[in-house]
Amino acid sequence: MAQAMQNQPNADENAESRSLATFQRENPPVFKGTHDPDGALDWLKELERIFRVMDCTTAQKVRYGTHMLAKEADDWWLETLARLEFSCEEVTWNVFRREFLRKYYPEDVRGAEFSKCIKFQNGLRSEIKKAVGYQKIRLFSDLVDSCRIFEEDSNAHHKMVSDRRGKNQQSRGKPYDAGKGKQRVTHG
């Protein structure tokens, strides 16, 4: 029993290294810290997509996410930890995400993004505007994707309804037929 208890930490370390290996098999992107707000946002979204599939803990998210920082971004993170006076173990994913967005996807970019979304929405056809407006999408690329998907779905639905009507019309025949429905005229 004592030997099993001593081996327990190794089991945790093995599980952690297997999880890291699983994370790396997903080919997570590396972020180097160049000025590219859209690239930074895409990097963050991709990591979060992988985290959802892996069902990561908050600690794993921070550990794996910061593992994918390189060059200037890695330096920025170490400086941020010192500024916040946190150790890596104390940082939650929400804190990392907030600080990352503050640095690489600043408020002025977000404001410009929002403004672009509003202008785009104002130019949409009313049925698309109504369908996506309630979602309050603030990222232009997400808004365009949602509108495209809605329009494709709507077009497919209209085509299906149109095809169904066409088949019903063909199977019924003409509303009148030449020999049917005529009354015989008899003399007498």
C-alpha atoms as a PDB file:
ATOM      1  CA  MET A   1       0.000   0.000   0.000  1.00  0.00           C
ATOM      2  CA  ALA A   2       2.813   2.394   0.907  1.00  0.00           C
ATOM      3  CA  GLN A   3       4.505   1.650  -2.392  1.00  0.00           C
ATOM      4  CA  ALA A   4       1.274   2.419  -4.259  1.00  0.00           C
ATOM      5  CA  MET A   5       1.004   5.774  -2.461  1.00  0.00           C
ATOM      6  CA  GLN A   6       4.586   6.623  -3.417  1.00  0.00           C
ATOM      7  CA  ASN A   7       3.848   5.844  -7.070  1.00  0.00           C
ATOM      8  CA  GLN A   8       0.763   8.073  -7.118  1.00  0.00           C
ATOM      9  CA  PRO A   9       2.642  11.323  -8.066  1.00  0.00           C
ATOM     10  CA  ASN A  10       4.236   9.538 -11.018  1.00  0.00           C
ATOM     11  CA  ALA A  11       0.775   8.543 -12.209  1.00  0.00           C
ATOM     12  CA  ASP A  12      -0.275  12.217 -12.118  1.00  0.00           C
ATOM     13  CA  GLU A  13       2.866  13.259 -13.990  1.00  0.00           C
ATOM     14  CA  ASN A  14       2.297  10.546 -16.610  1.00  0.00           C
ATOM     15  CA  ALA A  15      -1.326  11.619 -17.058  1.00  0.00           C
ATOM     16  CA  GLU A  16      -0.196  15.242 -17.431  1.00  0.00           C
ATOM     17  CA  SER A  17       2.437  14.368 -20.019  1.00  0.00           C
ATOM     18  CA  ARG A  18      -0.121  12.260 -21.917  1.00  0.00           C
ATOM     19  CA  SER A  19      -2.485  15.248 -21.900  1.00  0.00           C
ATOM     20  CA  LEU A  20       0.264  17.516 -23.213  1.00  0.00           C
ATOM     21  CA  ALA A  21       0.994  14.965 -25.932  1.00  0.00           C
ATOM     22  CA  THR A  22      -2.715  14.878 -26.801  1.00  0.00           C
ATOM     23  CA  PHE A  23      -2.778  18.677 -26.919  1.00  0.00           C
ATOM     24  CA  GLN A  24       0.254  18.773 -29.197  1.00  0.00           C
ATOM     25  CA  ARG A  25      -1.290  16.179 -31.557  1.00  0.00           C
ATOM     26  CA  GLU A  26      -3.988  18.763 -32.261  1.00  0.00           C
ATOM     27  CA  ASN A  27      -1.264  20.952 -33.843  1.00  0.00           C
ATOM     28  CA  PRO A  28      -1.934  24.069 -31.782  1.00  0.00           C
ATOM     29  CA  PRO A  29      -0.610  27.248 -33.354  1.00  0.00           C
ATOM     30  CA  VAL A  30       2.381  29.089 -31.926  1.00  0.00           C
ATOM     31  CA  PHE A  31       1.985  32.788 -31.227  1.00  0.00           C
ATOM     32  CA  LYS A  32       5.154  34.867 -31.518  1.00  0.00           C
ATOM     33  CA  GLY A  33       3.778  38.243 -30.480  1.00  0.00           C
ATOM     34  CA  THR A  34       3.897  40.124 -33.774  1.00  0.00           C
ATOM     35  CA  HIS A  35       1.419  42.963 -34.249  1.00  0.00           C
ATOM     36  CA  ASP A  36      -1.500  41.139 -35.843  1.00  0.00           C
ATOM     37  CA  PRO A  37      -4.736  41.627 -33.885  1.00  0.00           C
ATOM     38  CA  ASP A  38      -6.740  39.260 -36.090  1.00  0.00           C
ATOM     39  CA  GLY A  39      -3.957  36.665 -35.903  1.00  0.00           C
ATOM     40  CA  ALA A  40      -3.906  36.967 -32.110  1.00  0.00           C
ATOM     41  CA  LEU A  41      -7.653  36.478 -31.910  1.00  0.00           C
ATOM     42  CA  ASP A  42      -7.477  33.507 -34.287  1.00  0.00           C
ATOM     43  CA  TRP A  43      -4.705  31.970 -32.143  1.00  0.00           C
ATOM     44  CA  LEU A  44      -6.800  32.343 -29.009  1.00  0.00           C
ATOM     45  CA  LYS A  45      -9.915  30.898 -30.690  1.00  0.00           C
ATOM     46  CA  GLU A  46      -7.984  27.902 -31.997  1.00  0.00           C
ATOM     47  CA  LEU A  47      -6.563  27.114 -28.553  1.00  0.00           C
ATOM     48  CA  GLU A  48     -10.008  27.395 -26.986  1.00  0.00           C
ATOM     49  CA  ARG A  49     -11.423  25.068 -29.647  1.00  0.00           C
ATOM     50  CA  ILE A  50      -8.790  22.467 -28.728  1.00  0.00           C
ATOM     51  CA  PHE A  51      -9.447  22.993 -25.005  1.00  0.00           C
ATOM     52  CA  ARG A  52     -13.163  22.286 -25.504  1.00  0.00           C
ATOM     53  CA  VAL A  53     -12.427  18.975 -27.198  1.00  0.00           C
ATOM     54  CA  MET A  54      -9.879  17.968 -24.577  1.00  0.00           C
ATOM     55  CA  ASP A  55     -12.013  19.102 -21.627  1.00  0.00           C
ATOM     56  CA  CYS A  56      -9.010  20.834 -20.064  1.00  0.00           C
ATOM     57  CA  THR A  57      -8.858  22.174 -16.540  1.00  0.00           C
ATOM     58  CA  THR A  58      -8.158  25.867 -15.999  1.00  0.00           C
ATOM     59  CA  ALA A  59      -4.596  25.077 -14.929  1.00  0.00           C
ATOM     60  CA  GLN A  60      -4.021  22.993 -18.061  1.00  0.00           C
ATOM     61  CA  LYS A  61      -5.372  25.770 -20.284  1.00  0.00           C
ATOM     62  CA  VAL A  62      -2.900  28.247 -18.832  1.00  0.00           C
ATOM     63  CA  ARG A  63      -0.021  25.784 -18.950  1.00  0.00           C
ATOM     64  CA  TYR A  64      -0.690  24.611 -22.518  1.00  0.00           C
ATOM     65  CA  GLY A  65      -1.607  28.068 -23.810  1.00  0.00           C
ATOM     66  CA  THR A  66       1.528  29.713 -22.439  1.00  0.00           C
ATOM     67  CA  HIS A  67       3.546  26.770 -23.783  1.00  0.00           C
ATOM     68  CA  MET A  68       2.508  27.910 -27.267  1.00  0.00           C
ATOM     69  CA  LEU A  69       3.895  31.426 -26.808  1.00  0.00           C
ATOM     70  CA  ALA A  70       7.243  32.110 -28.440  1.00  0.00           C
ATOM     71  CA  LYS A  71       9.693  34.977 -28.864  1.00  0.00           C
ATOM     72  CA  GLU A  72       8.171  38.358 -27.961  1.00  0.00           C
ATOM     73  CA  ALA A  73       4.914  36.806 -26.725  1.00  0.00           C
ATOM     74  CA  ASP A  74       6.753  34.554 -24.282  1.00  0.00           C
ATOM     75  CA  ASP A  75       8.744  37.545 -22.992  1.00  0.00           C
ATOM     76  CA  TRP A  76       5.524  39.537 -22.653  1.00  0.00           C
ATOM     77  CA  TRP A  77       3.954  36.741 -20.594  1.00  0.00           C
ATOM     78  CA  LEU A  78       6.882  36.514 -18.178  1.00  0.00           C
ATOM     79  CA  GLU A  79       6.792  40.303 -17.701  1.00  0.00           C
ATOM     80  CA  THR A  80       3.017  40.194 -17.199  1.00  0.00           C
ATOM     81  CA  LEU A  81       3.351  37.536 -14.502  1.00  0.00           C
ATOM     82  CA  ALA A  82       5.885  39.713 -12.701  1.00  0.00           C
ATOM     83  CA  ARG A  83       3.687  42.816 -13.066  1.00  0.00           C
ATOM     84  CA  LEU A  84       0.623  40.988 -11.747  1.00  0.00           C
ATOM     85  CA  GLU A  85       2.753  39.396  -9.039  1.00  0.00           C
ATOM     86  CA  PHE A  86       1.312  35.959  -9.823  1.00  0.00           C
ATOM     87  CA  SER A  87       2.967  32.618 -10.175  1.00  0.00           C
ATOM     88  CA  CYS A  88       1.991  30.493 -13.157  1.00  0.00           C
ATOM     89  CA  GLU A  89      -0.058  28.215 -10.888  1.00  0.00           C
ATOM     90  CA  GLU A  90      -2.169  31.130  -9.610  1.00  0.00           C
ATOM     91  CA  VAL A  91      -3.248  32.431 -13.005  1.00  0.00           C
ATOM     92  CA  THR A  92      -6.644  31.389 -14.331  1.00  0.00           C
ATOM     93  CA  TRP A  93      -7.452  31.124 -18.019  1.00  0.00           C
ATOM     94  CA  ASN A  94      -9.733  34.151 -17.742  1.00  0.00           C
ATOM     95  CA  VAL A  95      -6.865  36.254 -16.365  1.00  0.00           C
ATOM     96  CA  PHE A  96      -4.550  35.062 -19.139  1.00  0.00           C
ATOM     97  CA  ARG A  97      -7.223  35.692 -21.781  1.00  0.00           C
ATOM     98  CA  ARG A  98      -7.964  39.198 -20.452  1.00  0.00           C
ATOM     99  CA  GLU A  99      -4.273  40.182 -20.375  1.00  0.00           C
ATOM    100  CA  PHE A 100      -3.611  38.603 -23.778  1.00  0.00           C
ATOM    101  CA  LEU A 101      -6.497  40.473 -25.396  1.00  0.00           C
ATOM    102  CA  ARG A 102      -5.475  43.717 -23.689  1.00  0.00           C
ATOM    103  CA  LYS A 103      -2.007  43.397 -25.231  1.00  0.00           C
ATOM    104  CA  TYR A 104      -2.623  41.837 -28.643  1.00  0.00           C
ATOM    105  CA  TYR A 105      -6.241  42.739 -29.398  1.00  0.00           C
ATOM    106  CA  PRO A 106      -6.558  46.186 -27.788  1.00  0.00           C
ATOM    107  CA  GLU A 107      -9.738  48.138 -27.134  1.00  0.00           C
ATOM    108  CA  ASP A 108      -9.316  50.444 -30.148  1.00  0.00           C
ATOM    109  CA  VAL A 109      -9.191  47.419 -32.465  1.00  0.00           C
ATOM    110  CA  ARG A 110     -12.282  45.962 -30.781  1.00  0.00           C
ATOM    111  CA  GLY A 111     -14.061  49.303 -31.182  1.00  0.00           C
ATOM    112  CA  ALA A 112     -13.176  49.464 -34.865  1.00  0.00           C
ATOM    113  CA  GLU A 113     -14.340  45.864 -35.244  1.00  0.00           C
ATOM    114  CA  PHE A 114     -17.673  46.691 -33.610  1.00  0.00           C
ATOM    115  CA  SER A 115     -18.109  49.736 -35.835  1.00  0.00           C
ATOM    116  CA  LYS A 116     -17.428  47.627 -38.914  1.00  0.00           C
ATOM    117  CA  CYS A 117     -20.050  45.100 -37.764  1.00  0.00           C
ATOM    118  CA  ILE A 118     -22.686  47.815 -37.283  1.00  0.00           C
ATOM    119  CA  LYS A 119     -22.066  49.245 -40.755  1.00  0.00           C
ATOM    120  CA  PHE A 120     -22.227  45.763 -42.289  1.00  0.00           C
ATOM    121  CA  GLN A 121     -25.474  44.907 -40.460  1.00  0.00           C
ATOM    122  CA  ASN A 122     -27.092  48.150 -41.598  1.00  0.00           C
ATOM    123  CA  GLY A 123     -26.502  47.140 -45.216  1.00  0.00           C
ATOM    124  CA  LEU A 124     -28.031  43.667 -44.910  1.00  0.00           C
ATOM    125  CA  ARG A 125     -31.385  42.567 -46.324  1.00  0.00           C
ATOM    126  CA  SER A 126     -34.053  42.754 -43.640  1.00  0.00           C
ATOM    127  CA  GLU A 127     -34.536  38.980 -43.211  1.00  0.00           C
ATOM    128  CA  ILE A 128     -30.792  38.406 -42.713  1.00  0.00           C
ATOM    129  CA  LYS A 129     -30.491  41.452 -40.470  1.00  0.00           C
ATOM    130  CA  LYS A 130     -33.346  40.152 -38.329  1.00  0.00           C
ATOM    131  CA  ALA A 131     -31.874  36.631 -38.151  1.00  0.00           C
ATOM    132  CA  VAL A 132     -28.351  37.635 -37.074  1.00  0.00           C
ATOM    133  CA  GLY A 133     -29.110  40.873 -35.225  1.00  0.00           C
ATOM    134  CA  TYR A 134     -30.180  39.216 -31.995  1.00  0.00           C
ATOM    135  CA  GLN A 135     -26.845  37.362 -31.778  1.00  0.00           C
ATOM    136  CA  LYS A 136     -24.964  40.623 -31.106  1.00  0.00           C
ATOM    137  CA  ILE A 137     -21.869  39.443 -32.959  1.00  0.00           C
ATOM    138  CA  ARG A 138     -18.958  41.841 -32.452  1.00  0.00           C
ATOM    139  CA  LEU A 139     -16.318  40.193 -34.648  1.00  0.00           C
ATOM    140  CA  PHE A 140     -16.596  41.055 -38.312  1.00  0.00           C
ATOM    141  CA  SER A 141     -15.413  37.669 -39.610  1.00  0.00           C
ATOM    142  CA  ASP A 142     -17.937  35.877 -37.354  1.00  0.00           C
ATOM    143  CA  LEU A 143     -20.715  38.185 -38.524  1.00  0.00           C
ATOM    144  CA  VAL A 144     -19.924  37.583 -42.187  1.00  0.00           C
ATOM    145  CA  ASP A 145     -19.834  33.812 -41.587  1.00  0.00           C
ATOM    146  CA  SER A 146     -23.177  33.870 -39.771  1.00  0.00           C
ATOM    147  CA  CYS A 147     -24.789  35.881 -42.564  1.00  0.00           C
ATOM    148  CA  ARG A 148     -23.367  33.579 -45.222  1.00  0.00           C
ATOM    149  CA  ILE A 149     -24.593  30.474 -43.397  1.00  0.00           C
ATOM    150  CA  PHE A 150     -28.049  31.993 -42.900  1.00  0.00           C
ATOM    151  CA  GLU A 151     -28.285  32.932 -46.569  1.00  0.00           C
ATOM    152  CA  GLU A 152     -27.148  29.483 -47.734  1.00  0.00           C
ATOM    153  CA  ASP A 153     -29.649  27.788 -45.408  1.00  0.00           C
ATOM    154  CA  SER A 154     -32.399  30.132 -46.514  1.00  0.00           C
ATOM    155  CA  ASN A 155     -31.653  29.514 -50.201  1.00  0.00           C
ATOM    156  CA  ALA A 156     -31.603  25.742 -49.645  1.00  0.00           C
ATOM    157  CA  HIS A 157     -34.953  25.957 -47.839  1.00  0.00           C
ATOM    158  CA  HIS A 158     -36.537  28.017 -50.649  1.00  0.00           C
ATOM    159  CA  LYS A 159     -35.209  25.580 -53.249  1.00  0.00           C
ATOM    160  CA  MET A 160     -36.603  22.616 -51.331  1.00  0.00           C
ATOM    161  CA  VAL A 161     -40.021  24.275 -51.028  1.00  0.00           C
ATOM    162  CA  SER A 162     -39.959  25.215 -54.688  1.00  0.00           C
ATOM    163  CA  ASP A 163     -38.990  21.674 -55.737  1.00  0.00           C
ATOM    164  CA  ARG A 164     -41.740  20.224 -53.549  1.00  0.00           C
ATOM    165  CA  ARG A 165     -44.326  22.528 -55.110  1.00  0.00           C
ATOM    166  CA  GLY A 166     -43.135  21.569 -58.578  1.00  0.00           C
ATOM    167  CA  LYS A 167     -43.538  17.859 -57.833  1.00  0.00           C
ATOM    168  CA  ASN A 168     -47.020  18.385 -56.403  1.00  0.00           C
ATOM    169  CA  GLN A 169     -48.075  20.291 -59.479  1.00  0.00           C
ATOM    170  CA  GLN A 170     -46.770  17.538 -61.784  1.00  0.00           C
ATOM    171  CA  SER A 171     -48.407  14.688 -59.880  1.00  0.00           C
ATOM    172  CA  ARG A 172     -51.827  16.366 -59.848  1.00  0.00           C
ATOM    173  CA  GLY A 173     -51.903  16.967 -63.526  1.00  0.00           C
ATOM    174  CA  LYS A 174     -53.728  19.857 -65.068  1.00  0.00           C
ATOM    175  CA  PRO A 175     -56.613  21.342 -63.187  1.00  0.00           C
ATOM    176  CA  TYR A 176     -58.761  20.357 -66.146  1.00  0.00           C
ATOM    177  CA  ASP A 177     -58.537  17.491 -68.583  1.00  0.00           C
ATOM    178  CA  ALA A 178     -59.926  17.417 -72.067  1.00  0.00           C
ATOM    179  CA  GLY A 179     -62.378  14.538 -71.694  1.00  0.00           C
ATOM    180  CA  LYS A 180     -63.200  14.786 -68.064  1.00  0.00           C
ATOM    181  CA  GLY A 181     -65.722  17.076 -66.585  1.00  0.00           C
ATOM    182  CA  LYS A 182     -67.591  17.759 -69.823  1.00  0.00           C
ATOM    183  CA  GLN A 183     -71.249  17.116 -69.780  1.00  0.00           C
ATOM    184  CA  ARG A 184     -72.813  15.078 -72.486  1.00  0.00           C
ATOM    185  CA  VAL A 185     -75.381  16.810 -74.408  1.00  0.00           C
ATOM    186  CA  THR A 186     -78.235  14.572 -75.253  1.00  0.00           C
ATOM    187  CA  HIS A 187     -81.096  15.548 -77.376  1.00  0.00           C
ATOM    188  CA  GLY A 188     -84.404  14.533 -76.414  1.00  0.00           C
END
